[in-house]
Amino acid sequence: MKNIFKKMLTICIVFVTLSSAKAQQNNMTMENTALLIIDVQNDYFPGGKMVLEGAETAGKNTSKVLEYFRKNNLPVIHIKHIATNEGADFFLPDTKGAEIHNLVLPKGNEKVIIKHFPNSFRETELLAYLKEYNIKNLIITGMMTDVCVESTTRAAFDLGFSNTIVGDATATKNRELDGEIIKAADIQKSFLAGISSLGNLYSRIISTEDLLASK
């Protein structure tokens, strides 16, 4: 009888914990929050010079998040990478591939920040802009998951920001290590798992559906 009681108590505790977590998610506030769209540019899409796996899906999901921010008059920041390093073969200056994709073209007073390094804060005005508008929380989407998205997110954490990555609004590509091809899907999962480890230390991960449903 005692064992049955203990099992029932355990089930109740788990249920309450899950319900509490769901409630916190549903009560996610957008106060002092900006949307950061990183490098959603033509070269990452079919026909471009550095096509990613799932770029179109990630782009469409980013577009859905962007639409929500626009409808609610929330700040949006577009990050655009222009390659200036020697040997670069995509995102080259004054090319169509470097242009922001039609799915997320900036409108009105949406801020566009040009960067030349994976970390969106490095040698840009991003930090100053966020401070000017008292932004403390970032909703992050974009490409590539394991390069610019990750480096920007980790830098944002070090600078004191609270981060949420919309996992299915990011994308990457296959990589090679020691002659072995590592699939993009595995890289995607690994990097999102790593950056959200230790209790979402650097960032929490959420889907587009769950993000929009929590509003």
C-alpha atoms as a PDB file:
ATOM      1  CA  MET A   1       0.000   0.000   0.000  1.00  0.00           C
ATOM      2  CA  LYS A   2       2.860   2.334   0.886  1.00  0.00           C
ATOM      3  CA  ASN A   3       4.537   1.615  -2.444  1.00  0.00           C
ATOM      4  CA  ILE A   4       1.345   2.458  -4.327  1.00  0.00           C
ATOM      5  CA  PHE A   5       1.033   5.701  -2.367  1.00  0.00           C
ATOM      6  CA  LYS A   6       4.648   6.625  -3.153  1.00  0.00           C
ATOM      7  CA  LYS A   7       4.100   5.969  -6.860  1.00  0.00           C
ATOM      8  CA  MET A   8       0.953   8.104  -6.901  1.00  0.00           C
ATOM      9  CA  LEU A   9       2.776  10.892  -5.060  1.00  0.00           C
ATOM     10  CA  THR A  10       5.653  10.738  -7.561  1.00  0.00           C
ATOM     11  CA  ILE A  11       3.220  10.937 -10.480  1.00  0.00           C
ATOM     12  CA  CYS A  12       1.510  13.955  -8.914  1.00  0.00           C
ATOM     13  CA  ILE A  13       4.831  15.733  -8.372  1.00  0.00           C
ATOM     14  CA  VAL A  14       5.883  15.113 -11.984  1.00  0.00           C
ATOM     15  CA  PHE A  15       2.526  16.370 -13.250  1.00  0.00           C
ATOM     16  CA  VAL A  16       2.726  19.548 -11.166  1.00  0.00           C
ATOM     17  CA  THR A  17       6.299  20.166 -12.328  1.00  0.00           C
ATOM     18  CA  LEU A  18       5.375  19.765 -15.993  1.00  0.00           C
ATOM     19  CA  SER A  19       2.307  21.951 -15.571  1.00  0.00           C
ATOM     20  CA  SER A  20       4.410  24.645 -13.926  1.00  0.00           C
ATOM     21  CA  ALA A  21       6.978  24.535 -16.740  1.00  0.00           C
ATOM     22  CA  LYS A  22       4.220  24.795 -19.331  1.00  0.00           C
ATOM     23  CA  ALA A  23       2.691  27.734 -17.510  1.00  0.00           C
ATOM     24  CA  GLN A  24       6.034  29.522 -17.437  1.00  0.00           C
ATOM     25  CA  GLN A  25       6.363  28.959 -21.171  1.00  0.00           C
ATOM     26  CA  ASN A  26       2.859  30.248 -21.850  1.00  0.00           C
ATOM     27  CA  ASN A  27       3.552  33.318 -19.738  1.00  0.00           C
ATOM     28  CA  MET A  28       6.715  34.187 -21.645  1.00  0.00           C
ATOM     29  CA  THR A  29       6.882  37.951 -21.730  1.00  0.00           C
ATOM     30  CA  MET A  30       7.999  40.063 -24.664  1.00  0.00           C
ATOM     31  CA  GLU A  31       8.912  43.065 -22.532  1.00  0.00           C
ATOM     32  CA  ASN A  32      12.394  44.400 -23.352  1.00  0.00           C
ATOM     33  CA  THR A  33      12.662  41.743 -26.078  1.00  0.00           C
ATOM     34  CA  ALA A  34      13.923  41.989 -29.659  1.00  0.00           C
ATOM     35  CA  LEU A  35      13.975  39.558 -32.564  1.00  0.00           C
ATOM     36  CA  LEU A  36      17.461  38.948 -33.945  1.00  0.00           C
ATOM     37  CA  ILE A  37      17.504  37.489 -37.478  1.00  0.00           C
ATOM     38  CA  ILE A  38      21.005  36.363 -38.370  1.00  0.00           C
ATOM     39  CA  ASP A  39      22.217  36.022 -41.977  1.00  0.00           C
ATOM     40  CA  VAL A  40      19.030  34.873 -43.705  1.00  0.00           C
ATOM     41  CA  GLN A  41      20.597  35.709 -47.061  1.00  0.00           C
ATOM     42  CA  ASN A  42      20.251  34.376 -50.587  1.00  0.00           C
ATOM     43  CA  ASP A  43      23.511  32.411 -50.752  1.00  0.00           C
ATOM     44  CA  TYR A  44      22.149  29.981 -48.153  1.00  0.00           C
ATOM     45  CA  PHE A  45      19.109  29.103 -50.272  1.00  0.00           C
ATOM     46  CA  PRO A  46      18.774  26.940 -53.407  1.00  0.00           C
ATOM     47  CA  GLY A  47      20.695  28.599 -56.218  1.00  0.00           C
ATOM     48  CA  GLY A  48      23.104  30.254 -53.794  1.00  0.00           C
ATOM     49  CA  LYS A  49      26.801  29.598 -53.259  1.00  0.00           C
ATOM     50  CA  MET A  50      26.510  27.979 -49.802  1.00  0.00           C
ATOM     51  CA  VAL A  51      23.187  26.114 -49.749  1.00  0.00           C
ATOM     52  CA  LEU A  52      22.111  24.836 -46.336  1.00  0.00           C
ATOM     53  CA  GLU A  53      19.996  21.831 -45.419  1.00  0.00           C
ATOM     54  CA  GLY A  54      16.514  23.018 -44.502  1.00  0.00           C
ATOM     55  CA  ALA A  55      17.163  26.656 -45.354  1.00  0.00           C
ATOM     56  CA  GLU A  56      13.706  27.146 -46.840  1.00  0.00           C
ATOM     57  CA  THR A  57      11.934  25.646 -43.822  1.00  0.00           C
ATOM     58  CA  ALA A  58      14.035  27.699 -41.436  1.00  0.00           C
ATOM     59  CA  GLY A  59      13.410  30.804 -43.525  1.00  0.00           C
ATOM     60  CA  LYS A  60       9.638  30.263 -43.523  1.00  0.00           C
ATOM     61  CA  ASN A  61       9.618  29.740 -39.761  1.00  0.00           C
ATOM     62  CA  THR A  62      11.688  32.869 -39.280  1.00  0.00           C
ATOM     63  CA  SER A  63       9.133  34.687 -41.422  1.00  0.00           C
ATOM     64  CA  LYS A  64       6.331  33.529 -39.090  1.00  0.00           C
ATOM     65  CA  VAL A  65       8.179  34.809 -36.043  1.00  0.00           C
ATOM     66  CA  LEU A  66       8.934  38.064 -37.858  1.00  0.00           C
ATOM     67  CA  GLU A  67       5.251  38.499 -38.707  1.00  0.00           C
ATOM     68  CA  TYR A  68       4.348  38.174 -35.011  1.00  0.00           C
ATOM     69  CA  PHE A  69       6.896  40.818 -34.021  1.00  0.00           C
ATOM     70  CA  ARG A  70       5.644  43.158 -36.717  1.00  0.00           C
ATOM     71  CA  LYS A  71       1.991  42.758 -35.741  1.00  0.00           C
ATOM     72  CA  ASN A  72       2.860  43.569 -32.146  1.00  0.00           C
ATOM     73  CA  ASN A  73       5.212  46.448 -32.956  1.00  0.00           C
ATOM     74  CA  LEU A  74       8.157  44.710 -31.291  1.00  0.00           C
ATOM     75  CA  PRO A  75      11.769  45.529 -32.234  1.00  0.00           C
ATOM     76  CA  VAL A  76      13.372  43.584 -35.064  1.00  0.00           C
ATOM     77  CA  ILE A  77      17.062  43.512 -35.921  1.00  0.00           C
ATOM     78  CA  HIS A  78      18.369  42.021 -39.161  1.00  0.00           C
ATOM     79  CA  ILE A  79      21.998  40.912 -39.229  1.00  0.00           C
ATOM     80  CA  LYS A  80      23.569  40.857 -42.684  1.00  0.00           C
ATOM     81  CA  HIS A  81      26.974  39.297 -43.261  1.00  0.00           C
ATOM     82  CA  ILE A  82      29.270  40.788 -45.881  1.00  0.00           C
ATOM     83  CA  ALA A  83      32.422  38.742 -46.443  1.00  0.00           C
ATOM     84  CA  THR A  84      35.625  40.745 -46.480  1.00  0.00           C
ATOM     85  CA  ASN A  85      38.093  37.996 -45.553  1.00  0.00           C
ATOM     86  CA  GLU A  86      40.550  36.744 -48.141  1.00  0.00           C
ATOM     87  CA  GLY A  87      39.339  33.669 -49.997  1.00  0.00           C
ATOM     88  CA  ALA A  88      35.652  34.136 -49.183  1.00  0.00           C
ATOM     89  CA  ASP A  89      33.368  32.718 -51.863  1.00  0.00           C
ATOM     90  CA  PHE A  90      29.887  33.651 -50.628  1.00  0.00           C
ATOM     91  CA  PHE A  91      28.183  36.728 -49.157  1.00  0.00           C
ATOM     92  CA  LEU A  92      30.512  38.772 -51.324  1.00  0.00           C
ATOM     93  CA  PRO A  93      29.969  42.554 -51.452  1.00  0.00           C
ATOM     94  CA  ASP A  94      27.497  43.852 -54.035  1.00  0.00           C
ATOM     95  CA  THR A  95      26.207  40.409 -55.014  1.00  0.00           C
ATOM     96  CA  LYS A  96      22.673  39.052 -55.065  1.00  0.00           C
ATOM     97  CA  GLY A  97      23.791  36.194 -52.835  1.00  0.00           C
ATOM     98  CA  ALA A  98      24.617  38.634 -50.056  1.00  0.00           C
ATOM     99  CA  GLU A  99      21.163  40.230 -50.120  1.00  0.00           C
ATOM    100  CA  ILE A 100      18.646  39.417 -47.400  1.00  0.00           C
ATOM    101  CA  HIS A 101      16.183  36.780 -48.582  1.00  0.00           C
ATOM    102  CA  ASN A 102      12.687  37.815 -49.668  1.00  0.00           C
ATOM    103  CA  LEU A 103      11.130  35.801 -46.821  1.00  0.00           C
ATOM    104  CA  VAL A 104      12.451  38.269 -44.256  1.00  0.00           C
ATOM    105  CA  LEU A 105      13.142  41.478 -46.156  1.00  0.00           C
ATOM    106  CA  PRO A 106      13.448  44.397 -43.718  1.00  0.00           C
ATOM    107  CA  LYS A 107      10.588  46.873 -43.581  1.00  0.00           C
ATOM    108  CA  GLY A 108      10.047  50.340 -42.157  1.00  0.00           C
ATOM    109  CA  ASN A 109      12.282  51.148 -39.219  1.00  0.00           C
ATOM    110  CA  GLU A 110      13.628  47.621 -38.707  1.00  0.00           C
ATOM    111  CA  LYS A 111      17.320  47.855 -37.944  1.00  0.00           C
ATOM    112  CA  VAL A 112      19.856  46.299 -40.333  1.00  0.00           C
ATOM    113  CA  ILE A 113      23.362  45.714 -39.004  1.00  0.00           C
ATOM    114  CA  ILE A 114      26.273  44.691 -41.207  1.00  0.00           C
ATOM    115  CA  LYS A 115      28.836  42.289 -39.776  1.00  0.00           C
ATOM    116  CA  HIS A 116      32.062  40.759 -41.072  1.00  0.00           C
ATOM    117  CA  PHE A 117      32.610  38.074 -38.431  1.00  0.00           C
ATOM    118  CA  PRO A 118      30.478  35.169 -37.140  1.00  0.00           C
ATOM    119  CA  ASN A 119      29.816  36.945 -33.832  1.00  0.00           C
ATOM    120  CA  SER A 120      27.225  39.629 -34.569  1.00  0.00           C
ATOM    121  CA  PHE A 121      28.575  41.794 -31.745  1.00  0.00           C
ATOM    122  CA  ARG A 122      32.149  41.923 -33.023  1.00  0.00           C
ATOM    123  CA  GLU A 123      33.000  45.337 -34.491  1.00  0.00           C
ATOM    124  CA  THR A 124      29.320  46.238 -34.990  1.00  0.00           C
ATOM    125  CA  GLU A 125      26.842  48.596 -33.365  1.00  0.00           C
ATOM    126  CA  LEU A 126      24.624  45.752 -32.113  1.00  0.00           C
ATOM    127  CA  LEU A 127      25.442  46.074 -28.413  1.00  0.00           C
ATOM    128  CA  ALA A 128      25.048  49.861 -28.439  1.00  0.00           C
ATOM    129  CA  TYR A 129      21.720  49.547 -30.251  1.00  0.00           C
ATOM    130  CA  LEU A 130      20.358  46.992 -27.771  1.00  0.00           C
ATOM    131  CA  LYS A 131      21.407  49.151 -24.844  1.00  0.00           C
ATOM    132  CA  GLU A 132      19.869  52.255 -26.416  1.00  0.00           C
ATOM    133  CA  TYR A 133      16.471  50.545 -26.579  1.00  0.00           C
ATOM    134  CA  ASN A 134      16.835  48.773 -23.222  1.00  0.00           C
ATOM    135  CA  ILE A 135      16.698  45.313 -24.811  1.00  0.00           C
ATOM    136  CA  LYS A 136      17.476  42.567 -22.320  1.00  0.00           C
ATOM    137  CA  ASN A 137      16.020  39.480 -24.026  1.00  0.00           C
ATOM    138  CA  LEU A 138      16.770  38.141 -27.497  1.00  0.00           C
ATOM    139  CA  ILE A 139      14.697  35.811 -29.651  1.00  0.00           C
ATOM    140  CA  ILE A 140      17.262  34.439 -32.094  1.00  0.00           C
ATOM    141  CA  THR A 141      16.732  32.910 -35.537  1.00  0.00           C
ATOM    142  CA  GLY A 142      18.965  32.481 -38.554  1.00  0.00           C
ATOM    143  CA  MET A 143      21.926  30.737 -40.111  1.00  0.00           C
ATOM    144  CA  MET A 144      24.261  28.910 -39.701  1.00  0.00           C
ATOM    145  CA  THR A 145      23.293  27.228 -36.456  1.00  0.00           C
ATOM    146  CA  ASP A 146      26.800  26.094 -35.543  1.00  0.00           C
ATOM    147  CA  VAL A 147      28.635  29.214 -36.661  1.00  0.00           C
ATOM    148  CA  CYS A 148      27.028  32.655 -36.551  1.00  0.00           C
ATOM    149  CA  VAL A 149      23.975  31.714 -34.496  1.00  0.00           C
ATOM    150  CA  GLU A 150      26.034  29.920 -31.884  1.00  0.00           C
ATOM    151  CA  SER A 151      28.827  32.484 -31.637  1.00  0.00           C
ATOM    152  CA  THR A 152      26.350  35.356 -31.373  1.00  0.00           C
ATOM    153  CA  THR A 153      24.287  33.570 -28.727  1.00  0.00           C
ATOM    154  CA  ARG A 154      27.281  32.778 -26.556  1.00  0.00           C
ATOM    155  CA  ALA A 155      28.521  36.358 -26.866  1.00  0.00           C
ATOM    156  CA  ALA A 156      25.061  37.660 -25.949  1.00  0.00           C
ATOM    157  CA  PHE A 157      25.074  35.531 -22.807  1.00  0.00           C
ATOM    158  CA  ASP A 158      28.499  36.865 -21.818  1.00  0.00           C
ATOM    159  CA  LEU A 159      27.132  40.383 -22.273  1.00  0.00           C
ATOM    160  CA  GLY A 160      24.221  39.693 -19.938  1.00  0.00           C
ATOM    161  CA  PHE A 161      21.349  38.987 -22.328  1.00  0.00           C
ATOM    162  CA  SER A 162      18.715  36.295 -21.845  1.00  0.00           C
ATOM    163  CA  ASN A 163      18.452  34.247 -25.021  1.00  0.00           C
ATOM    164  CA  THR A 164      15.871  32.070 -26.732  1.00  0.00           C
ATOM    165  CA  ILE A 165      16.775  30.309 -29.986  1.00  0.00           C
ATOM    166  CA  VAL A 166      13.902  29.254 -32.227  1.00  0.00           C
ATOM    167  CA  GLY A 167      15.398  25.899 -33.155  1.00  0.00           C
ATOM    168  CA  ASP A 168      13.392  25.178 -36.294  1.00  0.00           C
ATOM    169  CA  ALA A 169      14.080  28.695 -37.549  1.00  0.00           C
ATOM    170  CA  THR A 170      17.802  27.909 -37.836  1.00  0.00           C
ATOM    171  CA  ALA A 171      19.722  25.774 -40.328  1.00  0.00           C
ATOM    172  CA  THR A 172      23.168  24.478 -41.179  1.00  0.00           C
ATOM    173  CA  LYS A 173      24.858  22.048 -43.596  1.00  0.00           C
ATOM    174  CA  ASN A 174      26.830  18.817 -43.629  1.00  0.00           C
ATOM    175  CA  ARG A 175      30.342  19.071 -42.218  1.00  0.00           C
ATOM    176  CA  GLU A 176      33.451  16.934 -42.634  1.00  0.00           C
ATOM    177  CA  LEU A 177      35.678  15.784 -39.781  1.00  0.00           C
ATOM    178  CA  ASP A 178      38.620  13.404 -40.231  1.00  0.00           C
ATOM    179  CA  GLY A 179      37.221  12.264 -43.563  1.00  0.00           C
ATOM    180  CA  GLU A 180      33.784  11.541 -42.136  1.00  0.00           C
ATOM    181  CA  ILE A 181      30.680  13.415 -43.242  1.00  0.00           C
ATOM    182  CA  ILE A 182      28.628  14.663 -40.296  1.00  0.00           C
ATOM    183  CA  LYS A 183      25.011  15.150 -41.310  1.00  0.00           C
ATOM    184  CA  ALA A 184      23.443  18.583 -40.931  1.00  0.00           C
ATOM    185  CA  ALA A 185      20.600  17.144 -38.844  1.00  0.00           C
ATOM    186  CA  ASP A 186      23.102  15.733 -36.343  1.00  0.00           C
ATOM    187  CA  ILE A 187      25.030  18.989 -36.181  1.00  0.00           C
ATOM    188  CA  GLN A 188      21.796  20.896 -35.676  1.00  0.00           C
ATOM    189  CA  LYS A 189      20.741  18.725 -32.740  1.00  0.00           C
ATOM    190  CA  SER A 190      24.191  18.666 -31.173  1.00  0.00           C
ATOM    191  CA  PHE A 191      24.753  22.401 -31.222  1.00  0.00           C
ATOM    192  CA  LEU A 192      21.267  23.227 -29.978  1.00  0.00           C
ATOM    193  CA  ALA A 193      21.657  20.628 -27.243  1.00  0.00           C
ATOM    194  CA  GLY A 194      25.043  22.024 -26.270  1.00  0.00           C
ATOM    195  CA  ILE A 195      24.028  25.651 -26.121  1.00  0.00           C
ATOM    196  CA  SER A 196      20.960  24.825 -24.010  1.00  0.00           C
ATOM    197  CA  SER A 197      22.818  22.525 -21.610  1.00  0.00           C
ATOM    198  CA  LEU A 198      23.243  23.190 -17.883  1.00  0.00           C
ATOM    199  CA  GLY A 199      19.663  24.361 -17.518  1.00  0.00           C
ATOM    200  CA  ASN A 200      19.522  26.548 -20.641  1.00  0.00           C
ATOM    201  CA  LEU A 201      22.657  28.381 -19.557  1.00  0.00           C
ATOM    202  CA  TYR A 202      23.380  30.113 -22.856  1.00  0.00           C
ATOM    203  CA  SER A 203      19.918  29.860 -24.372  1.00  0.00           C
ATOM    204  CA  ARG A 204      16.623  28.074 -24.136  1.00  0.00           C
ATOM    205  CA  ILE A 205      15.459  26.311 -27.303  1.00  0.00           C
ATOM    206  CA  ILE A 206      11.874  26.569 -28.504  1.00  0.00           C
ATOM    207  CA  SER A 207      10.003  25.725 -31.704  1.00  0.00           C
ATOM    208  CA  THR A 208       8.217  28.267 -33.857  1.00  0.00           C
ATOM    209  CA  GLU A 209       4.871  26.674 -33.025  1.00  0.00           C
ATOM    210  CA  ASP A 210       5.462  26.760 -29.271  1.00  0.00           C
ATOM    211  CA  LEU A 211       6.787  30.312 -29.383  1.00  0.00           C
ATOM    212  CA  LEU A 212       3.727  31.608 -31.197  1.00  0.00           C
ATOM    213  CA  ALA A 213       1.347  29.511 -29.100  1.00  0.00           C
ATOM    214  CA  SER A 214       2.752  31.011 -25.914  1.00  0.00           C
ATOM    215  CA  LYS A 215       1.653  34.497 -26.916  1.00  0.00           C
END
